[in-house]
Amino acid sequence: CMNFNIKKAKCALVRSGKTQVQLSRELILSRPCISRAMNGGSITNNTARRIASALGVTVESLLEDGKEY
């Protein structure tokens, strides 16, 4: 499991031009799952990769500094 850096995740979401609802529909993930990810909650590595890809960024760019997975 991993946790996104809240600021980095929310900035990536804004830059993508998508809302959390649009992201959840695109990825077929629940809205609470997307919300948890965007607010620094624990998510699976697979979910993190899918969200990062949909936002057009790398997983590493969304993580807390100094953490590698």
Protein backbone atom coordinates (compact mmCIF):
# COMPACT_ATOMS: atom_id res chain seq x y z
CA CYS A 1 0.00 0.00 0.00
CA MET A 2 1.04 3.60 -0.48
CA ASN A 3 -0.05 7.12 0.27
CA PHE A 4 -0.05 10.11 -2.06
CA ASN A 5 1.22 13.50 -0.97
CA ILE A 6 -2.03 15.47 -0.65
CA LYS A 7 -0.74 18.68 -2.30
CA LYS A 8 0.92 16.82 -5.16
CA ALA A 9 -2.16 14.67 -5.82
CA LYS A 10 -4.57 17.60 -5.77
CA CYS A 11 -2.30 19.69 -8.01
CA ALA A 12 -2.10 16.84 -10.52
CA LEU A 13 -5.89 16.52 -10.46
CA VAL A 14 -6.34 20.24 -11.11
CA ARG A 15 -3.75 20.21 -13.92
CA SER A 16 -5.54 17.26 -15.53
CA GLY A 17 -8.74 19.30 -15.72
CA LYS A 18 -10.70 16.40 -14.24
CA THR A 19 -12.85 16.21 -11.16
CA GLN A 20 -12.73 13.37 -8.64
CA VAL A 21 -16.09 12.19 -9.96
CA GLN A 22 -14.83 12.13 -13.56
CA LEU A 23 -11.72 10.27 -12.44
CA SER A 24 -13.76 7.68 -10.55
CA ARG A 25 -15.98 7.09 -13.59
CA GLU A 26 -13.03 6.88 -15.98
CA LEU A 27 -11.21 4.34 -13.80
CA ILE A 28 -14.34 2.54 -12.62
CA LEU A 29 -13.31 3.13 -9.01
CA SER A 30 -15.58 4.25 -6.21
CA ARG A 31 -15.74 7.94 -5.37
CA PRO A 32 -14.61 7.19 -1.77
CA CYS A 33 -11.54 5.36 -3.16
CA ILE A 34 -10.55 8.40 -5.23
CA SER A 35 -11.21 10.70 -2.29
CA ARG A 36 -9.07 8.54 0.00
CA ALA A 37 -6.21 8.66 -2.54
CA MET A 38 -6.45 12.43 -2.97
CA ASN A 39 -6.48 12.97 0.79
CA GLY A 40 -3.39 10.91 1.58
CA GLY A 41 -5.15 7.72 2.62
CA SER A 42 -3.77 4.25 2.02
CA ILE A 43 -4.39 2.81 -1.46
CA THR A 44 -3.05 -0.22 -3.28
CA ASN A 45 -0.05 0.06 -5.59
CA ASN A 46 -2.26 -0.90 -8.56
CA THR A 47 -4.81 1.80 -7.75
CA ALA A 48 -2.02 4.36 -7.36
CA ARG A 49 -0.60 3.43 -10.78
CA ARG A 50 -4.03 3.67 -12.42
CA ILE A 51 -4.78 7.07 -10.89
CA ALA A 52 -1.35 8.45 -11.82
CA SER A 53 -1.74 7.22 -15.39
CA ALA A 54 -5.19 8.81 -15.70
CA LEU A 55 -3.74 12.08 -14.42
CA GLY A 56 -0.85 11.88 -16.90
CA VAL A 57 1.87 11.73 -14.24
CA THR A 58 4.13 9.12 -12.65
CA VAL A 59 3.28 7.47 -9.35
CA GLU A 60 6.59 8.74 -7.96
CA SER A 61 5.57 12.35 -8.65
CA LEU A 62 2.55 11.89 -6.37
CA LEU A 63 4.35 10.33 -3.41
CA GLU A 64 5.78 11.96 -0.32
CA ASP A 65 9.37 13.09 -0.93
CA GLY A 66 11.91 10.40 -0.29
CA LYS A 67 9.53 7.47 -0.52
CA GLU A 68 10.01 4.92 -3.26
CA TYR A 69 7.89 1.89 -4.05
